[in-house]
Amino acid sequence: MTASVDLGPGAATRPANETFGYKRAQRAEARRAFLLAVPLLAFLTLTFILPIVSLLWRSVDNPELRAAMPSLVTALAKWDGRDLPGLPVFDAFAKDIANAQGGGGLAQVGRRLNYYEPGFRSLLLKTARNLPAAPQGDWRSTIVQIDKRWGETETWRLMQRAAWSTTPDYLLAAIDRKTDANGEIVPVAPDQRVYIAALLRTLWISTVVTALCLVLGYPVAYLLANLPAHQANLMMIFVIVPFWTSLLVRTTAWYVLLQPNGVINSLLMSMGLTAEPVPLVFNRLGVLIGLTHILLPFMILANYAVMKGISPVYYRAALSLGAHPVEAFRRVYVPQTLPGIGAGVFLVFVLALGYYITPALLGGGGDEMISQLIAIQMEKQLNWGLAGALSAYLVIITVAIYVAFSQLMGVDRLKMG
């Protein structure tokens, strides 16, 4: 006969209470972890996410005319765009020009309108200089007398386009397109087609650099993963030493080595391999050499992290079953390293897409990558809208590459280790 034990009246509800307490503890732990991450999230948002979003917004933002000439923007919104605008538009134009002359808003509007038609800035400033305090008759006849272009409907259509709060012009210009007078998208003149070629060039250079890094880095990673620990650690030092040196210093070193009178050309001529200096810098070859050297450690480390965790048992089993070493390596070992290959290829390719210093120092006039054109638009042309559009396409390409990789290999296989 089995004795029974009374567990008390709360025995039936104890498991439910314990489960509730465990979930409550988990939620409290999650809240504490989130609070600890709040400073980092705030820092990343202020210094990384917001600047990127702000630059991308510039690709469609169109604030110049709306800020400098609000009355004209309101008047142009009521114009149908067919015939010459009525007197209210000219009255608002004259009023806004008189108010905008004191600041820099008029110059910004002129620079914005110059993207539509070269010489528009000069037209606007000429009108501001010659505009009288009071009209001679009405403002339309007075303004047309200053310059006959104000009597053309097309001039005011361009002004109306500049009055939109958002614009596709920058995004179209970044792919060598524009809208004509009928609102249709057409290619720009052949001598102005720059950005599509730069995008294709950037993709080509990034692809070649990635392939070179994979060919050079995969054997090194395999050697590091299979050497004895003390030898592997010694070799790993040579892989990570470049990270201790400034990127600018490393690129400048290649500039010294590759120039016509540099070390490499002097060595080639002293060995009798060439009679004159080989052009190794200020061309595509210099860019490929510099980028491959700088990005090679990323490929090595990505593959090494995966190879280090691969057990040699499978490879040895294939050999013991009669497989040739090359066949066993190709069919047994290489498939296990695909996560490292995928991570290395993706990392190197994306980094190469946005590199600026190395192509700028080692490349020639026809080797500009998209990052250099973005810098030119921001620093020299002051065209932040076009810089934002080029950056937007670079982000789209990066996201598309990530999606392609995740579909091809799986997101989990892109993780290292």
Protein backbone atom coordinates (compact mmCIF):
# COMPACT_ATOMS: atom_id res chain seq x y z
CA MET A 1 0.00 0.00 0.00
CA THR A 2 1.43 3.34 -1.12
CA ALA A 3 1.39 6.27 1.27
CA SER A 4 -0.03 9.56 -0.05
CA VAL A 5 1.56 12.93 0.61
CA ASP A 6 -0.49 16.11 0.86
CA LEU A 7 1.29 18.89 -1.16
CA GLY A 8 -1.06 21.58 0.05
CA PRO A 9 -3.80 23.59 -1.61
CA GLY A 10 -1.42 25.59 -3.90
CA ALA A 11 0.19 22.59 -5.54
CA ALA A 12 -2.03 22.72 -8.62
CA THR A 13 -1.30 26.38 -9.38
CA ARG A 14 2.45 26.34 -8.63
CA PRO A 15 3.65 25.35 -12.15
CA ALA A 16 1.60 28.16 -13.75
CA ASN A 17 2.98 30.68 -11.25
CA GLU A 18 6.52 29.49 -11.89
CA THR A 19 6.03 29.83 -15.66
CA PHE A 20 4.65 33.34 -15.24
CA GLY A 21 7.57 34.31 -13.01
CA TYR A 22 10.08 32.94 -15.53
CA LYS A 23 8.53 34.94 -18.37
CA ARG A 24 8.46 38.06 -16.20
CA ALA A 25 12.14 37.59 -15.41
CA GLN A 26 12.87 37.20 -19.12
CA ARG A 27 11.04 40.44 -19.93
CA ALA A 28 12.91 42.27 -17.17
CA GLU A 29 16.22 40.96 -18.52
CA ALA A 30 15.28 42.08 -22.05
CA ARG A 31 14.41 45.56 -20.76
CA ARG A 32 17.75 45.83 -18.96
CA ALA A 33 19.62 44.71 -22.08
CA PHE A 34 17.72 47.28 -24.17
CA LEU A 35 18.47 50.08 -21.70
CA LEU A 36 22.15 49.19 -21.82
CA ALA A 37 22.07 49.37 -25.63
CA VAL A 38 20.19 52.71 -25.74
CA PRO A 39 23.34 54.91 -25.60
CA LEU A 40 24.92 52.95 -28.46
CA LEU A 41 21.71 53.07 -30.49
CA ALA A 42 21.42 56.82 -29.92
CA PHE A 43 25.05 57.34 -30.94
CA LEU A 44 24.63 55.28 -34.13
CA THR A 45 21.40 57.08 -34.97
CA LEU A 46 22.90 60.56 -34.57
CA THR A 47 26.26 59.91 -36.21
CA PHE A 48 25.46 57.26 -38.82
CA ILE A 49 21.78 56.69 -39.65
CA LEU A 50 20.54 60.30 -39.69
CA PRO A 51 23.40 61.63 -41.87
CA ILE A 52 22.82 58.85 -44.39
CA VAL A 53 19.06 59.42 -44.45
CA SER A 54 19.65 63.17 -44.79
CA LEU A 55 21.98 62.67 -47.76
CA LEU A 56 19.59 60.27 -49.45
CA TRP A 57 16.71 62.71 -48.94
CA ARG A 58 18.74 65.33 -50.82
CA SER A 59 18.35 63.20 -53.95
CA VAL A 60 14.65 64.17 -54.20
CA ASP A 61 14.47 67.36 -52.11
CA ASN A 62 13.92 70.60 -54.03
CA PRO A 63 13.94 73.45 -51.47
CA GLU A 64 15.81 76.33 -53.15
CA LEU A 65 13.04 78.14 -55.01
CA ARG A 66 10.41 77.41 -52.37
CA ALA A 67 12.61 78.94 -49.66
CA ALA A 68 13.73 82.03 -51.61
CA MET A 69 10.55 82.85 -53.56
CA PRO A 70 7.46 81.63 -51.67
CA SER A 71 5.06 84.07 -53.36
CA LEU A 72 6.19 82.98 -56.81
CA VAL A 73 5.78 79.31 -55.89
CA THR A 74 2.17 79.97 -54.82
CA ALA A 75 1.43 81.90 -58.02
CA LEU A 76 3.03 79.28 -60.30
CA ALA A 77 0.91 76.55 -58.70
CA LYS A 78 -2.16 78.17 -60.32
CA TRP A 79 -0.58 78.46 -63.79
CA ASP A 80 -1.57 75.82 -66.36
CA GLY A 81 1.77 76.02 -68.17
CA ARG A 82 0.31 76.68 -71.62
CA ASP A 83 0.61 80.37 -72.41
CA LEU A 84 2.76 83.05 -70.79
CA PRO A 85 1.89 83.44 -67.08
CA GLY A 86 -0.48 86.18 -66.07
CA LEU A 87 0.28 89.39 -64.21
CA PRO A 88 0.02 87.81 -60.70
CA VAL A 89 2.99 85.56 -61.48
CA PHE A 90 5.15 88.49 -62.62
CA ASP A 91 4.05 90.55 -59.61
CA ALA A 92 5.03 87.74 -57.25
CA PHE A 93 8.33 87.28 -59.12
CA ALA A 94 9.26 90.93 -58.78
CA LYS A 95 8.33 90.97 -55.09
CA ASP A 96 10.37 87.86 -54.28
CA ILE A 97 13.42 89.05 -56.23
CA ALA A 98 13.42 92.31 -54.30
CA ASN A 99 13.21 90.41 -50.99
CA ALA A 100 15.81 87.80 -51.94
CA GLN A 101 18.58 90.15 -53.07
CA GLY A 102 19.85 90.75 -49.55
CA GLY A 103 20.81 87.11 -48.85
CA GLY A 104 22.26 84.20 -50.73
CA GLY A 105 18.94 82.65 -51.63
CA LEU A 106 18.92 84.13 -55.13
CA ALA A 107 22.32 82.65 -55.93
CA GLN A 108 21.15 79.24 -54.73
CA VAL A 109 18.04 79.48 -56.92
CA GLY A 110 20.22 80.46 -59.89
CA ARG A 111 22.55 77.52 -59.30
CA ARG A 112 19.55 75.18 -59.08
CA LEU A 113 18.06 76.52 -62.31
CA ASN A 114 21.41 76.16 -64.04
CA TYR A 115 20.92 72.38 -63.84
CA TYR A 116 17.98 72.83 -66.21
CA GLU A 117 19.51 75.37 -68.56
CA PRO A 118 23.07 76.77 -68.44
CA GLY A 119 23.04 80.54 -68.10
CA PHE A 120 19.88 80.68 -65.99
CA ARG A 121 21.83 81.94 -62.98
CA SER A 122 23.20 84.85 -65.02
CA LEU A 123 19.69 85.62 -66.24
CA LEU A 124 18.34 85.70 -62.70
CA LEU A 125 21.14 87.89 -61.34
CA LYS A 126 20.93 90.23 -64.33
CA THR A 127 17.21 90.64 -63.70
CA ALA A 128 17.80 91.35 -60.01
CA ARG A 129 20.39 94.02 -60.82
CA ASN A 130 18.23 95.82 -63.38
CA LEU A 131 14.86 95.48 -61.69
CA PRO A 132 13.49 98.96 -60.89
CA ALA A 133 11.83 99.87 -57.62
CA ALA A 134 8.50 100.43 -59.42
CA PRO A 135 7.22 98.95 -62.70
CA GLN A 136 6.96 100.89 -65.91
CA GLY A 137 3.36 100.10 -66.66
CA ASP A 138 3.11 96.56 -65.27
CA TRP A 139 5.71 94.09 -64.02
CA ARG A 140 5.33 91.75 -66.99
CA SER A 141 6.36 94.30 -69.59
CA THR A 142 9.07 95.67 -67.29
CA ILE A 143 10.66 92.25 -66.67
CA VAL A 144 10.44 91.22 -70.34
CA GLN A 145 12.25 94.46 -71.29
CA ILE A 146 15.14 93.47 -69.00
CA ASP A 147 15.58 90.19 -70.90
CA LYS A 148 13.36 88.81 -73.65
CA ARG A 149 13.73 85.26 -72.29
CA TRP A 150 11.19 86.16 -69.61
CA GLY A 151 8.68 86.45 -72.45
CA GLU A 152 9.15 82.79 -73.39
CA THR A 153 6.82 80.15 -71.95
CA GLU A 154 9.63 77.59 -71.65
CA THR A 155 11.51 79.82 -69.18
CA TRP A 156 8.55 79.85 -66.83
CA ARG A 157 7.99 76.11 -67.22
CA LEU A 158 11.50 75.59 -65.89
CA MET A 159 10.70 77.92 -63.00
CA GLN A 160 7.56 75.89 -62.30
CA ARG A 161 9.56 72.65 -62.27
CA ALA A 162 11.99 74.19 -59.80
CA ALA A 163 9.02 75.08 -57.56
CA TRP A 164 8.11 71.43 -56.89
CA SER A 165 8.79 70.29 -53.34
CA THR A 166 10.36 67.06 -54.62
CA THR A 167 12.03 66.37 -57.94
CA PRO A 168 13.23 63.33 -59.92
CA ASP A 169 15.88 65.41 -61.68
CA TYR A 170 18.83 64.30 -59.54
CA LEU A 171 17.93 60.63 -59.73
CA LEU A 172 17.60 60.92 -63.51
CA ALA A 173 20.85 62.86 -63.87
CA ALA A 174 22.67 60.13 -61.91
CA ILE A 175 21.82 57.66 -64.69
CA ASP A 176 22.44 60.14 -67.55
CA ARG A 177 18.78 60.94 -68.11
CA LYS A 178 16.63 64.07 -67.99
CA THR A 179 13.08 65.22 -68.67
CA ASP A 180 12.43 67.22 -71.83
CA ALA A 181 9.95 70.03 -72.39
CA ASN A 182 7.11 67.50 -72.79
CA GLY A 183 7.94 65.79 -69.51
CA GLU A 184 9.35 62.66 -71.15
CA ILE A 185 12.54 61.00 -69.91
CA VAL A 186 15.30 61.19 -72.53
CA PRO A 187 19.07 60.56 -72.51
CA VAL A 188 21.38 63.51 -72.02
CA ALA A 189 23.81 64.61 -74.73
CA PRO A 190 26.57 62.06 -75.50
CA ASP A 191 29.30 64.35 -74.17
CA GLN A 192 27.46 64.60 -70.83
CA ARG A 193 27.05 60.85 -70.22
CA VAL A 194 29.31 60.21 -67.26
CA TYR A 195 27.52 58.43 -64.45
CA ILE A 196 26.35 55.18 -66.08
CA ALA A 197 29.90 54.58 -67.27
CA ALA A 198 31.19 55.30 -63.76
CA LEU A 199 28.69 52.87 -62.21
CA LEU A 200 29.65 50.12 -64.65
CA ARG A 201 33.33 50.86 -64.09
CA THR A 202 32.86 50.66 -60.33
CA LEU A 203 31.09 47.31 -60.62
CA TRP A 204 33.78 45.95 -62.93
CA ILE A 205 36.68 47.06 -60.71
CA SER A 206 34.93 45.69 -57.61
CA THR A 207 34.32 42.35 -59.35
CA VAL A 208 37.94 42.01 -60.50
CA VAL A 209 39.31 42.99 -57.08
CA THR A 210 37.00 40.47 -55.40
CA ALA A 211 38.12 37.71 -57.76
CA LEU A 212 41.80 38.55 -57.18
CA CYS A 213 41.32 38.57 -53.41
CA LEU A 214 39.56 35.20 -53.54
CA VAL A 215 42.27 33.61 -55.71
CA LEU A 216 45.07 34.99 -53.51
CA GLY A 217 43.35 34.76 -50.14
CA TYR A 218 41.78 31.29 -50.24
CA PRO A 219 45.13 29.37 -50.29
CA VAL A 220 46.52 31.60 -47.54
CA ALA A 221 43.46 30.98 -45.36
CA TYR A 222 43.73 27.23 -46.00
CA LEU A 223 47.40 27.28 -45.03
CA LEU A 224 46.70 29.24 -41.83
CA ALA A 225 43.89 26.85 -40.86
CA ASN A 226 46.00 23.70 -41.31
CA LEU A 227 49.44 24.74 -40.05
CA PRO A 228 50.54 23.97 -36.49
CA ALA A 229 49.39 26.58 -34.00
CA HIS A 230 52.76 28.33 -33.48
CA GLN A 231 53.39 28.65 -37.23
CA ALA A 232 49.83 29.75 -37.94
CA ASN A 233 50.04 32.45 -35.26
CA LEU A 234 53.26 33.77 -36.75
CA MET A 235 51.75 33.96 -40.22
CA MET A 236 48.57 35.55 -38.88
CA ILE A 237 50.67 38.49 -37.70
CA PHE A 238 51.55 39.27 -41.32
CA VAL A 239 47.86 39.18 -42.23
CA ILE A 240 46.72 41.60 -39.53
CA VAL A 241 49.73 43.97 -39.58
CA PRO A 242 48.18 46.08 -42.39
CA PHE A 243 45.33 46.97 -40.03
CA TRP A 244 47.87 48.66 -37.77
CA THR A 245 48.85 51.05 -40.55
CA SER A 246 46.84 53.95 -41.90
CA LEU A 247 45.00 53.35 -45.16
CA LEU A 248 46.44 56.57 -46.55
CA VAL A 249 49.98 55.46 -45.66
CA ARG A 250 49.51 52.09 -47.39
CA THR A 251 48.09 53.72 -50.52
CA THR A 252 50.88 56.30 -50.60
CA ALA A 253 53.41 53.48 -50.29
CA TRP A 254 52.00 51.88 -53.45
CA TYR A 255 52.18 55.28 -55.13
CA VAL A 256 55.92 55.34 -54.40
CA LEU A 257 56.47 51.71 -55.45
CA LEU A 258 54.52 51.88 -58.73
CA GLN A 259 55.68 55.20 -60.18
CA PRO A 260 57.92 55.14 -63.30
CA ASN A 261 61.09 55.64 -61.25
CA GLY A 262 59.84 53.55 -58.35
CA VAL A 263 61.18 50.38 -56.83
CA ILE A 264 59.22 47.93 -58.97
CA ASN A 265 60.12 49.51 -62.32
CA SER A 266 63.76 49.89 -61.27
CA LEU A 267 63.85 46.20 -60.35
CA LEU A 268 62.24 45.13 -63.63
CA MET A 269 64.69 47.15 -65.70
CA SER A 270 67.71 45.99 -63.68
CA MET A 271 66.68 42.37 -64.30
CA GLY A 272 66.35 43.02 -68.03
CA LEU A 273 62.64 42.18 -68.08
CA THR A 274 61.73 45.54 -69.61
CA ALA A 275 63.67 48.25 -71.42
CA GLU A 276 61.53 51.16 -70.20
CA PRO A 277 59.26 51.83 -67.22
CA VAL A 278 55.96 49.98 -67.25
CA PRO A 279 52.91 52.20 -66.57
CA LEU A 280 51.76 50.83 -63.21
CA VAL A 281 50.18 53.93 -61.66
CA PHE A 282 47.58 56.51 -62.70
CA ASN A 283 45.72 53.78 -64.58
CA ARG A 284 43.35 50.87 -63.99
CA LEU A 285 46.19 48.51 -63.09
CA GLY A 286 47.30 50.73 -60.21
CA VAL A 287 43.76 50.81 -58.81
CA LEU A 288 43.48 47.01 -58.98
CA ILE A 289 46.84 46.49 -57.27
CA GLY A 290 46.11 48.96 -54.47
CA LEU A 291 42.57 47.76 -53.77
CA THR A 292 43.58 44.09 -53.86
CA HIS A 293 46.35 44.69 -51.32
CA ILE A 294 44.08 46.65 -48.99
CA LEU A 295 41.08 44.30 -49.13
CA LEU A 296 42.94 40.97 -49.20
CA PRO A 297 43.05 40.59 -45.37
CA PHE A 298 39.25 40.72 -45.20
CA MET A 299 39.00 37.78 -47.60
CA ILE A 300 41.64 35.80 -45.71
CA LEU A 301 40.04 36.33 -42.30
CA ALA A 302 36.53 35.50 -43.54
CA ASN A 303 37.66 32.18 -45.00
CA TYR A 304 40.00 31.39 -42.10
CA ALA A 305 37.17 31.75 -39.58
CA VAL A 306 35.20 29.03 -41.40
CA MET A 307 38.11 26.76 -42.30
CA LYS A 308 39.35 26.65 -38.72
CA GLY A 309 36.12 24.95 -37.67
CA ILE A 310 36.12 22.30 -40.41
CA SER A 311 36.99 18.81 -39.17
CA PRO A 312 39.60 16.98 -41.28
CA VAL A 313 37.74 13.70 -40.76
CA TYR A 314 35.59 14.05 -43.89
CA TYR A 315 38.53 14.79 -46.17
CA ARG A 316 40.50 11.87 -44.77
CA ALA A 317 37.49 9.58 -45.16
CA ALA A 318 37.25 10.52 -48.85
CA LEU A 319 40.94 9.71 -49.30
CA SER A 320 40.56 6.40 -47.52
CA LEU A 321 37.71 5.48 -49.87
CA GLY A 322 39.98 5.94 -52.87
CA ALA A 323 39.27 9.54 -53.96
CA HIS A 324 42.09 11.50 -55.56
CA PRO A 325 43.35 14.30 -53.26
CA VAL A 326 42.31 17.00 -55.74
CA GLU A 327 38.87 15.44 -56.20
CA ALA A 328 38.42 15.01 -52.45
CA PHE A 329 39.42 18.64 -51.88
CA ARG A 330 37.04 19.90 -54.56
CA ARG A 331 34.02 17.81 -53.63
CA VAL A 332 34.41 17.43 -49.87
CA TYR A 333 36.44 20.31 -48.47
CA VAL A 334 35.49 23.27 -50.69
CA PRO A 335 31.69 22.90 -50.17
CA GLN A 336 32.24 23.19 -46.42
CA THR A 337 34.04 26.51 -46.94
CA LEU A 338 31.23 28.10 -48.95
CA PRO A 339 30.02 30.22 -45.99
CA GLY A 340 33.51 31.74 -45.71
CA ILE A 341 33.74 32.27 -49.45
CA GLY A 342 30.33 33.94 -49.48
CA ALA A 343 31.11 36.19 -46.53
CA GLY A 344 34.52 37.15 -47.94
CA VAL A 345 33.22 37.84 -51.44
CA PHE A 346 30.32 39.93 -50.16
CA LEU A 347 32.49 41.88 -47.73
CA VAL A 348 35.27 42.64 -50.23
CA PHE A 349 32.86 43.52 -53.05
CA VAL A 350 30.82 45.93 -50.94
CA LEU A 351 33.93 47.59 -49.52
CA ALA A 352 35.41 47.98 -53.00
CA LEU A 353 32.21 49.66 -54.24
CA GLY A 354 32.64 52.60 -51.89
CA TYR A 355 36.41 53.04 -51.78
CA TYR A 356 37.66 56.55 -52.44
CA ILE A 357 41.27 57.17 -51.36
CA THR A 358 42.95 54.36 -53.30
CA PRO A 359 41.30 55.05 -56.71
CA ALA A 360 41.85 58.78 -56.22
CA LEU A 361 45.60 58.39 -55.64
CA LEU A 362 46.43 55.49 -57.94
CA GLY A 363 43.86 55.86 -60.72
CA GLY A 364 43.93 57.95 -63.88
CA GLY A 365 41.51 60.31 -65.54
CA GLY A 366 39.34 57.51 -66.91
CA ASP A 367 39.30 55.40 -63.75
CA GLU A 368 37.01 57.43 -61.50
CA MET A 369 34.80 55.27 -59.34
CA ILE A 370 31.39 56.36 -58.16
CA SER A 371 32.72 57.38 -54.74
CA GLN A 372 35.03 59.93 -56.39
CA LEU A 373 32.16 61.45 -58.34
CA ILE A 374 30.13 61.75 -55.14
CA ALA A 375 33.02 63.58 -53.47
CA ILE A 376 33.39 65.92 -56.47
CA GLN A 377 29.69 66.82 -56.40
CA MET A 378 29.82 67.54 -52.67
CA GLU A 379 33.13 69.38 -52.42
CA LYS A 380 33.58 71.15 -55.76
CA GLN A 381 30.22 71.35 -57.53
CA LEU A 382 28.23 71.83 -54.28
CA ASN A 383 25.51 69.72 -55.88
CA TRP A 384 24.31 67.80 -52.85
CA GLY A 385 21.23 66.59 -54.66
CA LEU A 386 23.23 64.76 -57.32
CA ALA A 387 25.62 63.45 -54.67
CA GLY A 388 22.63 62.08 -52.77
CA ALA A 389 21.24 60.47 -55.94
CA LEU A 390 24.56 58.73 -56.68
CA SER A 391 24.69 57.57 -53.07
CA ALA A 392 21.14 56.27 -53.34
CA TYR A 393 22.04 54.13 -56.34
CA LEU A 394 25.11 52.86 -54.48
CA VAL A 395 22.88 51.84 -51.56
CA ILE A 396 20.41 50.16 -53.95
CA ILE A 397 23.22 48.20 -55.59
CA THR A 398 24.55 47.11 -52.19
CA VAL A 399 21.10 45.96 -51.03
CA ALA A 400 20.51 44.14 -54.32
CA ILE A 401 23.85 42.33 -53.97
CA TYR A 402 22.98 41.31 -50.40
CA VAL A 403 19.58 39.99 -51.47
CA ALA A 404 21.19 38.06 -54.34
CA PHE A 405 23.75 36.54 -51.99
CA SER A 406 21.14 35.64 -49.39
CA GLN A 407 19.00 33.95 -52.05
CA LEU A 408 21.96 32.14 -53.57
CA MET A 409 23.65 30.94 -50.40
CA GLY A 410 21.17 31.56 -47.61
CA VAL A 411 21.49 34.24 -44.94
CA ASP A 412 22.73 31.73 -42.38
CA ARG A 413 25.56 30.63 -44.69
CA LEU A 414 26.82 34.20 -45.00
CA LYS A 415 27.63 34.22 -41.30
CA MET A 416 31.24 33.55 -40.52
CA GLY A 417 31.86 30.62 -38.22
